[in-house]
N, C-alpha and C. Protein backbone atom coordinates (compact mmCIF):
# COMPACT_ATOMS: atom_id res chain seq x y z
N MET A 1 -27.54 -20.20 5.97
CA MET A 1 -28.52 -20.80 6.84
C MET A 1 -29.20 -19.67 7.62
N GLU A 2 -30.44 -19.48 7.32
CA GLU A 2 -31.19 -18.36 7.89
C GLU A 2 -31.20 -18.36 9.42
N LEU A 3 -31.35 -19.52 10.02
CA LEU A 3 -31.39 -19.62 11.48
C LEU A 3 -30.08 -19.11 12.10
N LEU A 4 -28.95 -19.47 11.54
CA LEU A 4 -27.66 -19.01 12.04
C LEU A 4 -27.50 -17.51 11.81
N GLU A 5 -27.87 -17.03 10.63
CA GLU A 5 -27.77 -15.60 10.35
C GLU A 5 -28.60 -14.79 11.34
N GLN A 6 -29.81 -15.27 11.62
CA GLN A 6 -30.67 -14.56 12.57
C GLN A 6 -30.04 -14.52 13.95
N ARG A 7 -29.45 -15.62 14.36
CA ARG A 7 -28.81 -15.66 15.68
C ARG A 7 -27.61 -14.73 15.75
N ILE A 8 -26.85 -14.66 14.66
CA ILE A 8 -25.71 -13.74 14.60
C ILE A 8 -26.21 -12.30 14.73
N LYS A 9 -27.29 -11.96 14.02
CA LYS A 9 -27.84 -10.61 14.10
C LYS A 9 -28.32 -10.28 15.51
N GLU A 10 -28.94 -11.26 16.17
CA GLU A 10 -29.50 -11.03 17.51
C GLU A 10 -28.43 -10.98 18.59
N ASP A 11 -27.47 -11.90 18.52
CA ASP A 11 -26.53 -12.09 19.63
C ASP A 11 -25.07 -11.85 19.29
N GLY A 12 -24.77 -11.64 18.02
CA GLY A 12 -23.39 -11.36 17.64
C GLY A 12 -23.00 -9.94 18.00
N GLU A 13 -21.72 -9.74 18.21
CA GLU A 13 -21.22 -8.41 18.57
C GLU A 13 -20.01 -8.10 17.70
N VAL A 14 -20.06 -6.94 17.05
CA VAL A 14 -18.96 -6.49 16.21
C VAL A 14 -17.97 -5.74 17.08
N LEU A 15 -16.72 -6.20 17.06
CA LEU A 15 -15.65 -5.56 17.82
C LEU A 15 -14.66 -4.90 16.86
N PRO A 16 -13.88 -3.94 17.35
CA PRO A 16 -12.87 -3.32 16.49
C PRO A 16 -11.94 -4.36 15.88
N GLY A 17 -11.48 -4.10 14.67
CA GLY A 17 -10.56 -5.00 13.99
C GLY A 17 -11.27 -6.10 13.21
N ASN A 18 -12.55 -5.89 12.85
CA ASN A 18 -13.32 -6.88 12.09
C ASN A 18 -13.49 -8.19 12.83
N ILE A 19 -13.64 -8.12 14.14
CA ILE A 19 -13.88 -9.31 14.95
C ILE A 19 -15.38 -9.44 15.20
N LEU A 20 -15.91 -10.61 14.95
CA LEU A 20 -17.31 -10.92 15.23
C LEU A 20 -17.35 -11.85 16.43
N LYS A 21 -17.87 -11.35 17.52
CA LYS A 21 -17.93 -12.11 18.77
C LYS A 21 -19.27 -12.85 18.83
N VAL A 22 -19.20 -14.18 18.87
CA VAL A 22 -20.40 -15.02 18.92
C VAL A 22 -20.33 -15.99 20.10
N ASN A 23 -19.70 -15.52 21.16
CA ASN A 23 -19.49 -16.43 22.29
C ASN A 23 -20.75 -16.68 23.11
N ASN A 24 -21.83 -15.99 22.81
CA ASN A 24 -23.08 -16.21 23.52
C ASN A 24 -23.78 -17.49 23.08
N PHE A 25 -23.41 -18.01 21.90
CA PHE A 25 -24.12 -19.19 21.38
C PHE A 25 -23.24 -20.17 20.62
N LEU A 26 -22.00 -19.80 20.28
CA LEU A 26 -21.22 -20.66 19.39
C LEU A 26 -19.87 -21.09 19.93
N ASN A 27 -19.11 -20.18 20.54
CA ASN A 27 -17.76 -20.61 20.91
C ASN A 27 -17.31 -20.22 22.31
N HIS A 28 -18.25 -20.07 23.21
CA HIS A 28 -17.94 -20.02 24.66
C HIS A 28 -19.10 -20.69 25.38
N GLN A 29 -20.27 -20.10 25.25
CA GLN A 29 -21.52 -20.78 25.61
C GLN A 29 -22.07 -21.34 24.31
N VAL A 30 -22.56 -22.57 24.35
CA VAL A 30 -22.98 -23.24 23.12
C VAL A 30 -24.47 -23.52 23.15
N ASP A 31 -25.16 -23.13 22.08
CA ASP A 31 -26.57 -23.45 21.89
C ASP A 31 -26.61 -24.80 21.17
N THR A 32 -26.83 -25.86 21.92
CA THR A 32 -26.76 -27.22 21.36
C THR A 32 -27.84 -27.47 20.32
N ASN A 33 -29.02 -26.88 20.48
CA ASN A 33 -30.06 -27.05 19.47
C ASN A 33 -29.65 -26.44 18.14
N LEU A 34 -29.06 -25.25 18.20
CA LEU A 34 -28.56 -24.61 16.99
C LEU A 34 -27.47 -25.45 16.35
N LEU A 35 -26.54 -25.96 17.15
CA LEU A 35 -25.46 -26.78 16.60
C LEU A 35 -25.97 -28.06 15.97
N ASP A 36 -26.99 -28.67 16.55
CA ASP A 36 -27.59 -29.85 15.93
C ASP A 36 -28.16 -29.51 14.56
N LYS A 37 -28.83 -28.37 14.44
CA LYS A 37 -29.39 -27.96 13.15
C LYS A 37 -28.29 -27.63 12.14
N MET A 38 -27.20 -27.04 12.62
CA MET A 38 -26.06 -26.77 11.75
C MET A 38 -25.46 -28.09 11.26
N GLY A 39 -25.34 -29.06 12.16
CA GLY A 39 -24.83 -30.38 11.78
C GLY A 39 -25.71 -31.02 10.71
N GLU A 40 -27.02 -30.90 10.89
CA GLU A 40 -27.96 -31.45 9.89
C GLU A 40 -27.74 -30.80 8.53
N GLU A 41 -27.51 -29.49 8.53
CA GLU A 41 -27.31 -28.79 7.26
C GLU A 41 -26.00 -29.21 6.59
N PHE A 42 -24.94 -29.35 7.37
CA PHE A 42 -23.67 -29.82 6.79
C PHE A 42 -23.83 -31.24 6.23
N VAL A 43 -24.55 -32.09 6.95
CA VAL A 43 -24.77 -33.46 6.47
C VAL A 43 -25.61 -33.43 5.20
N ARG A 44 -26.59 -32.55 5.11
CA ARG A 44 -27.38 -32.42 3.89
C ARG A 44 -26.48 -32.01 2.72
N LEU A 45 -25.58 -31.05 2.97
CA LEU A 45 -24.69 -30.55 1.92
C LEU A 45 -23.67 -31.59 1.47
N TYR A 46 -23.22 -32.44 2.39
CA TYR A 46 -22.17 -33.42 2.08
C TYR A 46 -22.65 -34.86 2.17
N GLY A 47 -23.95 -35.06 2.18
CA GLY A 47 -24.50 -36.40 2.35
C GLY A 47 -24.11 -37.40 1.28
N ASN A 48 -23.76 -36.92 0.09
CA ASN A 48 -23.39 -37.82 -1.00
C ASN A 48 -21.88 -38.00 -1.14
N VAL A 49 -21.12 -37.50 -0.17
CA VAL A 49 -19.66 -37.56 -0.22
C VAL A 49 -19.17 -38.60 0.79
N GLU A 50 -18.25 -39.45 0.37
CA GLU A 50 -17.69 -40.44 1.29
C GLU A 50 -16.77 -39.75 2.30
N VAL A 51 -17.05 -39.97 3.58
CA VAL A 51 -16.27 -39.38 4.66
C VAL A 51 -15.94 -40.45 5.67
N THR A 52 -14.66 -40.53 6.06
CA THR A 52 -14.26 -41.49 7.10
C THR A 52 -13.85 -40.80 8.39
N LYS A 53 -13.53 -39.50 8.33
CA LYS A 53 -13.13 -38.75 9.52
C LYS A 53 -13.59 -37.30 9.38
N ILE A 54 -13.91 -36.72 10.53
CA ILE A 54 -14.13 -35.28 10.64
C ILE A 54 -12.89 -34.73 11.32
N LEU A 55 -12.34 -33.63 10.78
CA LEU A 55 -11.17 -32.99 11.39
C LEU A 55 -11.51 -31.54 11.70
N THR A 56 -11.15 -31.11 12.91
CA THR A 56 -11.31 -29.72 13.32
C THR A 56 -10.11 -29.32 14.14
N ILE A 57 -10.14 -28.12 14.67
CA ILE A 57 -9.05 -27.61 15.49
C ILE A 57 -9.63 -27.19 16.84
N GLU A 58 -8.86 -27.44 17.91
CA GLU A 58 -9.37 -27.01 19.21
C GLU A 58 -9.33 -25.50 19.31
N ALA A 59 -10.14 -24.90 20.06
CA ALA A 59 -11.17 -25.46 20.90
C ALA A 59 -12.56 -25.24 20.28
N SER A 60 -12.77 -24.09 19.64
CA SER A 60 -14.11 -23.75 19.17
C SER A 60 -14.65 -24.66 18.08
N GLY A 61 -13.80 -25.28 17.32
CA GLY A 61 -14.27 -26.15 16.25
C GLY A 61 -14.89 -27.44 16.74
N ILE A 62 -14.54 -27.86 17.95
CA ILE A 62 -14.99 -29.17 18.45
C ILE A 62 -16.51 -29.23 18.57
N ALA A 63 -17.11 -28.21 19.18
CA ALA A 63 -18.56 -28.23 19.38
C ALA A 63 -19.31 -28.25 18.05
N ILE A 64 -18.78 -27.56 17.05
CA ILE A 64 -19.44 -27.52 15.74
C ILE A 64 -19.24 -28.83 14.99
N ALA A 65 -18.08 -29.44 15.13
CA ALA A 65 -17.77 -30.68 14.42
C ALA A 65 -18.49 -31.89 15.01
N TYR A 66 -18.77 -31.86 16.30
CA TYR A 66 -19.37 -33.02 16.96
C TYR A 66 -20.70 -33.47 16.32
N PRO A 67 -21.69 -32.57 16.13
CA PRO A 67 -22.94 -33.07 15.54
C PRO A 67 -22.78 -33.57 14.11
N VAL A 68 -21.81 -33.06 13.38
CA VAL A 68 -21.56 -33.55 12.03
C VAL A 68 -21.02 -34.97 12.10
N ALA A 69 -20.04 -35.20 12.96
CA ALA A 69 -19.46 -36.54 13.11
C ALA A 69 -20.50 -37.54 13.61
N ARG A 70 -21.30 -37.10 14.58
CA ARG A 70 -22.32 -37.99 15.14
C ARG A 70 -23.33 -38.38 14.07
N GLN A 71 -23.79 -37.41 13.29
CA GLN A 71 -24.80 -37.70 12.28
C GLN A 71 -24.24 -38.50 11.10
N LEU A 72 -22.95 -38.34 10.81
CA LEU A 72 -22.32 -39.15 9.75
C LEU A 72 -21.79 -40.47 10.28
N ASN A 73 -21.79 -40.61 11.61
CA ASN A 73 -21.32 -41.83 12.28
C ASN A 73 -19.87 -42.15 11.94
N VAL A 74 -19.02 -41.10 12.03
CA VAL A 74 -17.58 -41.26 11.80
C VAL A 74 -16.83 -40.61 12.96
N PRO A 75 -15.58 -41.00 13.17
CA PRO A 75 -14.80 -40.40 14.26
C PRO A 75 -14.53 -38.91 14.03
N LEU A 76 -14.46 -38.19 15.13
CA LEU A 76 -14.08 -36.78 15.14
C LEU A 76 -12.67 -36.69 15.68
N VAL A 77 -11.77 -36.06 14.91
CA VAL A 77 -10.39 -35.85 15.32
C VAL A 77 -10.19 -34.35 15.43
N PHE A 78 -9.58 -33.90 16.52
CA PHE A 78 -9.28 -32.47 16.59
C PHE A 78 -7.80 -32.25 16.75
N ALA A 79 -7.31 -31.30 15.97
CA ALA A 79 -5.91 -30.92 16.02
C ALA A 79 -5.69 -30.13 17.31
N LYS A 80 -4.61 -30.47 18.01
CA LYS A 80 -4.28 -29.80 19.26
C LYS A 80 -3.32 -28.66 18.98
N LYS A 81 -3.55 -27.54 19.67
CA LYS A 81 -2.70 -26.37 19.47
C LYS A 81 -1.40 -26.45 20.25
N HIS A 82 -1.32 -27.35 21.17
CA HIS A 82 -0.10 -27.52 21.94
C HIS A 82 0.15 -29.01 22.11
N GLN A 83 1.36 -29.41 21.89
CA GLN A 83 1.69 -30.81 22.10
C GLN A 83 1.88 -31.03 23.60
N SER A 84 1.03 -31.87 24.16
CA SER A 84 1.07 -32.11 25.60
C SER A 84 1.79 -33.42 25.89
N LEU A 85 1.95 -33.71 27.16
CA LEU A 85 2.66 -34.92 27.56
C LEU A 85 1.95 -36.20 27.15
N ASN A 86 0.62 -36.13 26.97
CA ASN A 86 -0.11 -37.34 26.59
C ASN A 86 -0.17 -37.54 25.07
N VAL A 87 0.54 -36.69 24.30
CA VAL A 87 0.67 -36.88 22.85
C VAL A 87 2.15 -37.10 22.56
N ASN A 88 2.48 -38.29 22.03
CA ASN A 88 3.89 -38.59 21.79
C ASN A 88 4.43 -37.84 20.57
N ASP A 89 5.63 -38.14 20.18
CA ASP A 89 6.28 -37.44 19.08
C ASP A 89 5.85 -37.92 17.70
N ASP A 90 5.02 -38.96 17.64
CA ASP A 90 4.58 -39.51 16.37
C ASP A 90 3.35 -38.74 15.87
N VAL A 91 3.60 -37.49 15.44
CA VAL A 91 2.51 -36.59 15.07
C VAL A 91 2.80 -35.89 13.75
N TYR A 92 1.72 -35.44 13.13
CA TYR A 92 1.83 -34.50 12.02
C TYR A 92 1.79 -33.11 12.67
N VAL A 93 2.63 -32.21 12.19
CA VAL A 93 2.74 -30.87 12.77
C VAL A 93 2.65 -29.82 11.67
N THR A 94 1.94 -28.75 11.96
CA THR A 94 1.90 -27.60 11.07
C THR A 94 1.86 -26.34 11.93
N LYS A 95 2.22 -25.24 11.36
CA LYS A 95 2.24 -23.96 12.08
C LYS A 95 1.06 -23.12 11.59
N VAL A 96 0.30 -22.56 12.56
CA VAL A 96 -0.89 -21.79 12.25
C VAL A 96 -0.83 -20.44 12.97
N TRP A 97 -1.11 -19.36 12.23
CA TRP A 97 -1.20 -18.03 12.83
C TRP A 97 -2.62 -17.79 13.32
N SER A 98 -2.75 -17.40 14.58
CA SER A 98 -4.05 -17.06 15.16
C SER A 98 -4.22 -15.55 15.14
N PHE A 99 -5.20 -15.09 14.38
CA PHE A 99 -5.49 -13.66 14.30
C PHE A 99 -5.96 -13.12 15.65
N THR A 100 -6.84 -13.87 16.32
CA THR A 100 -7.41 -13.38 17.58
C THR A 100 -6.40 -13.41 18.72
N HIS A 101 -5.45 -14.34 18.68
CA HIS A 101 -4.44 -14.41 19.75
C HIS A 101 -3.12 -13.75 19.36
N LYS A 102 -3.00 -13.36 18.08
CA LYS A 102 -1.78 -12.71 17.57
C LYS A 102 -0.53 -13.53 17.88
N ALA A 103 -0.61 -14.82 17.56
CA ALA A 103 0.51 -15.72 17.84
C ALA A 103 0.47 -16.91 16.89
N PHE A 104 1.65 -17.51 16.66
CA PHE A 104 1.74 -18.76 15.92
C PHE A 104 1.57 -19.92 16.89
N TYR A 105 0.90 -20.98 16.43
CA TYR A 105 0.76 -22.20 17.19
C TYR A 105 1.29 -23.36 16.37
N ASN A 106 1.98 -24.29 17.01
CA ASN A 106 2.25 -25.57 16.39
C ASN A 106 1.01 -26.42 16.63
N VAL A 107 0.39 -26.85 15.56
CA VAL A 107 -0.84 -27.64 15.64
C VAL A 107 -0.48 -29.07 15.29
N VAL A 108 -0.96 -30.02 16.11
CA VAL A 108 -0.56 -31.41 15.92
C VAL A 108 -1.76 -32.34 15.89
N VAL A 109 -1.60 -33.44 15.14
CA VAL A 109 -2.53 -34.57 15.15
C VAL A 109 -1.68 -35.83 15.22
N ALA A 110 -2.02 -36.70 16.13
CA ALA A 110 -1.31 -37.98 16.23
C ALA A 110 -1.50 -38.78 14.95
N LYS A 111 -0.40 -39.34 14.46
CA LYS A 111 -0.44 -40.07 13.19
C LYS A 111 -1.40 -41.25 13.21
N LYS A 112 -1.64 -41.82 14.37
CA LYS A 112 -2.53 -42.98 14.43
C LYS A 112 -3.99 -42.61 14.17
N PHE A 113 -4.32 -41.30 14.20
CA PHE A 113 -5.70 -40.88 13.99
C PHE A 113 -5.99 -40.36 12.58
N LEU A 114 -4.96 -40.30 11.74
CA LEU A 114 -5.14 -39.80 10.38
C LEU A 114 -4.22 -40.58 9.46
N SER A 115 -4.79 -41.29 8.48
CA SER A 115 -3.98 -42.13 7.61
C SER A 115 -4.28 -41.84 6.14
N LYS A 116 -3.47 -42.44 5.28
CA LYS A 116 -3.63 -42.24 3.84
C LYS A 116 -4.96 -42.76 3.31
N ASP A 117 -5.62 -43.62 4.06
CA ASP A 117 -6.91 -44.17 3.62
C ASP A 117 -8.09 -43.27 3.98
N ASP A 118 -7.85 -42.23 4.77
CA ASP A 118 -8.95 -41.40 5.24
C ASP A 118 -9.43 -40.41 4.19
N LYS A 119 -10.74 -40.20 4.23
CA LYS A 119 -11.43 -39.20 3.42
C LYS A 119 -12.03 -38.22 4.43
N VAL A 120 -11.47 -37.02 4.46
CA VAL A 120 -11.67 -36.10 5.57
C VAL A 120 -12.58 -34.93 5.21
N LEU A 121 -13.52 -34.67 6.10
CA LEU A 121 -14.34 -33.48 6.03
C LEU A 121 -13.85 -32.56 7.15
N ILE A 122 -13.40 -31.37 6.78
CA ILE A 122 -12.88 -30.41 7.75
C ILE A 122 -14.03 -29.51 8.20
N VAL A 123 -14.14 -29.28 9.51
CA VAL A 123 -15.19 -28.45 10.08
C VAL A 123 -14.55 -27.42 11.00
N ASP A 124 -14.98 -26.14 10.88
CA ASP A 124 -14.46 -25.11 11.79
C ASP A 124 -15.51 -24.02 11.98
N ASP A 125 -15.28 -23.17 12.99
CA ASP A 125 -16.25 -22.14 13.32
C ASP A 125 -16.15 -20.94 12.38
N PHE A 126 -14.94 -20.45 12.13
CA PHE A 126 -14.76 -19.24 11.31
C PHE A 126 -13.79 -19.49 10.17
N LEU A 127 -14.02 -18.78 9.08
CA LEU A 127 -13.06 -18.70 7.98
C LEU A 127 -12.90 -17.23 7.65
N ALA A 128 -11.71 -16.70 7.88
CA ALA A 128 -11.42 -15.29 7.58
C ALA A 128 -10.28 -15.23 6.58
N ASN A 129 -9.06 -15.31 7.07
CA ASN A 129 -7.89 -15.29 6.19
C ASN A 129 -7.47 -16.69 5.75
N GLY A 130 -8.00 -17.72 6.39
CA GLY A 130 -7.73 -19.09 5.99
C GLY A 130 -6.54 -19.73 6.67
N ASN A 131 -5.97 -19.10 7.69
CA ASN A 131 -4.78 -19.65 8.33
C ASN A 131 -5.03 -21.00 8.99
N ALA A 132 -6.04 -21.10 9.81
CA ALA A 132 -6.34 -22.38 10.47
C ALA A 132 -6.70 -23.44 9.45
N LEU A 133 -7.51 -23.06 8.48
CA LEU A 133 -7.94 -24.02 7.45
C LEU A 133 -6.76 -24.53 6.63
N ASN A 134 -5.86 -23.64 6.24
CA ASN A 134 -4.67 -24.09 5.52
C ASN A 134 -3.84 -25.05 6.37
N GLY A 135 -3.76 -24.79 7.68
CA GLY A 135 -3.05 -25.70 8.57
C GLY A 135 -3.69 -27.07 8.62
N LEU A 136 -5.02 -27.11 8.72
CA LEU A 136 -5.73 -28.40 8.75
C LEU A 136 -5.56 -29.14 7.42
N ILE A 137 -5.62 -28.43 6.31
CA ILE A 137 -5.41 -29.05 5.01
C ILE A 137 -3.99 -29.63 4.94
N ASP A 138 -3.01 -28.90 5.45
CA ASP A 138 -1.63 -29.37 5.47
C ASP A 138 -1.51 -30.67 6.28
N LEU A 139 -2.19 -30.76 7.40
CA LEU A 139 -2.14 -31.99 8.21
C LEU A 139 -2.72 -33.17 7.43
N VAL A 140 -3.83 -32.95 6.74
CA VAL A 140 -4.44 -34.02 5.94
C VAL A 140 -3.48 -34.45 4.83
N GLU A 141 -2.86 -33.48 4.17
CA GLU A 141 -1.93 -33.80 3.09
C GLU A 141 -0.69 -34.53 3.60
N GLN A 142 -0.19 -34.15 4.78
CA GLN A 142 0.95 -34.86 5.37
C GLN A 142 0.62 -36.33 5.59
N ALA A 143 -0.63 -36.62 5.95
CA ALA A 143 -1.06 -38.00 6.18
C ALA A 143 -1.28 -38.75 4.87
N GLY A 144 -1.31 -38.04 3.75
CA GLY A 144 -1.62 -38.67 2.48
C GLY A 144 -3.11 -38.92 2.31
N ALA A 145 -3.92 -38.34 3.19
CA ALA A 145 -5.38 -38.50 3.14
C ALA A 145 -5.95 -37.50 2.13
N LYS A 146 -7.27 -37.56 1.94
CA LYS A 146 -7.94 -36.69 0.96
C LYS A 146 -8.94 -35.79 1.67
N VAL A 147 -8.87 -34.50 1.35
CA VAL A 147 -9.86 -33.55 1.85
C VAL A 147 -11.09 -33.66 0.94
N GLN A 148 -12.21 -34.07 1.53
CA GLN A 148 -13.46 -34.23 0.78
C GLN A 148 -14.27 -32.94 0.72
N GLY A 149 -13.99 -32.03 1.64
CA GLY A 149 -14.71 -30.77 1.66
C GLY A 149 -14.46 -30.06 2.97
N VAL A 150 -14.99 -28.84 3.05
CA VAL A 150 -14.80 -27.98 4.21
C VAL A 150 -16.15 -27.42 4.63
N CYS A 151 -16.45 -27.53 5.91
CA CYS A 151 -17.68 -27.00 6.50
C CYS A 151 -17.30 -25.85 7.43
N ILE A 152 -17.85 -24.67 7.17
CA ILE A 152 -17.55 -23.49 7.97
C ILE A 152 -18.87 -22.92 8.51
N ALA A 153 -18.90 -22.62 9.80
CA ALA A 153 -20.10 -21.99 10.36
C ALA A 153 -20.24 -20.57 9.83
N ILE A 154 -19.22 -19.74 10.04
CA ILE A 154 -19.29 -18.34 9.65
C ILE A 154 -18.05 -17.97 8.83
N GLU A 155 -18.28 -17.52 7.62
CA GLU A 155 -17.19 -17.05 6.76
C GLU A 155 -17.24 -15.53 6.67
N LYS A 156 -16.10 -14.91 6.81
CA LYS A 156 -16.00 -13.47 6.58
C LYS A 156 -15.69 -13.27 5.11
N GLY A 157 -16.74 -13.05 4.32
CA GLY A 157 -16.61 -12.95 2.88
C GLY A 157 -15.80 -11.76 2.41
N PHE A 158 -15.62 -10.78 3.27
CA PHE A 158 -14.84 -9.59 2.93
C PHE A 158 -13.35 -9.81 3.15
N GLN A 159 -12.97 -10.97 3.65
CA GLN A 159 -11.56 -11.33 3.76
C GLN A 159 -11.27 -12.44 2.75
N ASP A 160 -10.00 -12.69 2.44
CA ASP A 160 -9.63 -13.51 1.29
C ASP A 160 -9.58 -15.02 1.52
N GLY A 161 -9.71 -15.49 2.75
CA GLY A 161 -9.52 -16.90 3.02
C GLY A 161 -10.38 -17.83 2.19
N GLY A 162 -11.68 -17.58 2.16
CA GLY A 162 -12.59 -18.45 1.40
C GLY A 162 -12.26 -18.48 -0.07
N LYS A 163 -11.98 -17.31 -0.63
CA LYS A 163 -11.63 -17.22 -2.05
C LYS A 163 -10.37 -18.02 -2.35
N LEU A 164 -9.35 -17.86 -1.51
CA LEU A 164 -8.08 -18.54 -1.75
C LEU A 164 -8.21 -20.06 -1.63
N ILE A 165 -8.96 -20.53 -0.65
CA ILE A 165 -9.15 -21.97 -0.47
C ILE A 165 -9.93 -22.55 -1.65
N ARG A 166 -10.96 -21.84 -2.08
CA ARG A 166 -11.75 -22.31 -3.23
C ARG A 166 -10.90 -22.33 -4.50
N GLU A 167 -10.03 -21.33 -4.66
CA GLU A 167 -9.16 -21.29 -5.84
C GLU A 167 -8.18 -22.47 -5.86
N LYS A 168 -7.88 -23.02 -4.71
CA LYS A 168 -7.03 -24.22 -4.64
C LYS A 168 -7.80 -25.48 -5.03
N GLY A 169 -9.11 -25.35 -5.25
CA GLY A 169 -9.91 -26.48 -5.71
C GLY A 169 -10.70 -27.19 -4.62
N TYR A 170 -10.72 -26.64 -3.42
CA TYR A 170 -11.47 -27.27 -2.33
C TYR A 170 -12.90 -26.77 -2.32
N ARG A 171 -13.81 -27.68 -2.05
CA ARG A 171 -15.22 -27.31 -1.88
C ARG A 171 -15.40 -26.76 -0.46
N VAL A 172 -15.89 -25.54 -0.35
CA VAL A 172 -16.13 -24.90 0.94
C VAL A 172 -17.60 -24.55 1.03
N GLU A 173 -18.26 -25.05 2.07
CA GLU A 173 -19.66 -24.72 2.33
C GLU A 173 -19.73 -23.97 3.64
N SER A 174 -20.17 -22.71 3.58
CA SER A 174 -20.30 -21.88 4.77
C SER A 174 -21.77 -21.63 5.04
N LEU A 175 -22.18 -21.78 6.29
CA LEU A 175 -23.59 -21.61 6.62
C LEU A 175 -24.02 -20.15 6.68
N ALA A 176 -23.09 -19.27 6.98
CA ALA A 176 -23.36 -17.83 6.96
C ALA A 176 -22.12 -17.13 6.42
N ILE A 177 -22.31 -16.29 5.43
CA ILE A 177 -21.19 -15.53 4.88
C ILE A 177 -21.46 -14.05 5.15
N VAL A 178 -20.61 -13.47 5.99
CA VAL A 178 -20.72 -12.06 6.34
C VAL A 178 -19.99 -11.26 5.27
N ASP A 179 -20.73 -10.37 4.61
CA ASP A 179 -20.11 -9.53 3.58
C ASP A 179 -19.56 -8.23 4.14
N LYS A 180 -20.16 -7.76 5.24
CA LYS A 180 -19.75 -6.47 5.77
C LYS A 180 -20.19 -6.35 7.23
N MET A 181 -19.32 -5.73 8.02
CA MET A 181 -19.66 -5.38 9.40
C MET A 181 -19.31 -3.90 9.57
N THR A 182 -20.20 -3.15 10.21
CA THR A 182 -19.97 -1.72 10.37
C THR A 182 -19.62 -1.39 11.82
N ASP A 183 -19.03 -0.22 12.01
CA ASP A 183 -18.63 0.21 13.34
C ASP A 183 -19.80 0.35 14.30
N ASP A 184 -21.00 0.56 13.76
CA ASP A 184 -22.17 0.68 14.64
C ASP A 184 -22.83 -0.67 14.90
N GLY A 185 -22.15 -1.77 14.53
CA GLY A 185 -22.61 -3.11 14.88
C GLY A 185 -23.52 -3.78 13.87
N GLN A 186 -23.70 -3.19 12.72
CA GLN A 186 -24.54 -3.81 11.69
C GLN A 186 -23.76 -4.92 10.99
N ILE A 187 -24.46 -6.01 10.70
CA ILE A 187 -23.86 -7.17 10.05
C ILE A 187 -24.68 -7.46 8.79
N TYR A 188 -24.01 -7.53 7.66
CA TYR A 188 -24.67 -7.79 6.39
C TYR A 188 -24.19 -9.12 5.83
N PHE A 189 -25.13 -9.93 5.37
CA PHE A 189 -24.82 -11.26 4.87
C PHE A 189 -24.92 -11.32 3.36
N ARG A 190 -24.14 -12.20 2.78
CA ARG A 190 -24.22 -12.48 1.35
C ARG A 190 -25.55 -13.18 1.08
N LYS A 191 -26.19 -12.81 0.04
CA LYS A 191 -27.46 -13.45 -0.34
C LYS A 191 -27.22 -14.92 -0.66
N ASN A 192 -28.17 -15.78 -0.31
CA ASN A 192 -28.11 -17.22 -0.57
C ASN A 192 -26.91 -17.87 0.08
N SER A 193 -26.50 -17.41 1.27
CA SER A 193 -25.37 -18.05 1.95
C SER A 193 -25.82 -19.21 2.76
């Protein structure tokens, strides 16, 4: 998506360790107009697929998943990284490694929000090594539901996550695929991403 790629070039920041910081418009401060257009593009890509739920992970995935859920007119469910007092023990649980936080999280979804009858579209902000995405897929599989596809805002094409998820047979649509980031802050995108 050219609009997203342009915004990444203008406002993205390359940090040591292959980290792309996009908190100016995507995952700290949010450009709602951009997110609406991203939602429209995901709906265009998956408009012919039956979807009953959108699933994402807190916190950054929520803002990206919301316009998709709204435009498809289906509920948005987000996996919580910590089981809190207002979530009972009747949950699906998976363990996810966070690269940016350098820690494992138990990620949970209440069983009442995900069932075997659901056809799930997974939405997230980044796909790098695929840890969060594999965790979300595991939650859907625990429920006996079906993953209909995966929507990713930014994929790091130079890391293996996207390749591995696609090799498992899942359809992954990424709006921007970064092929390379340099120490001097240059960001290169895959053609036709």
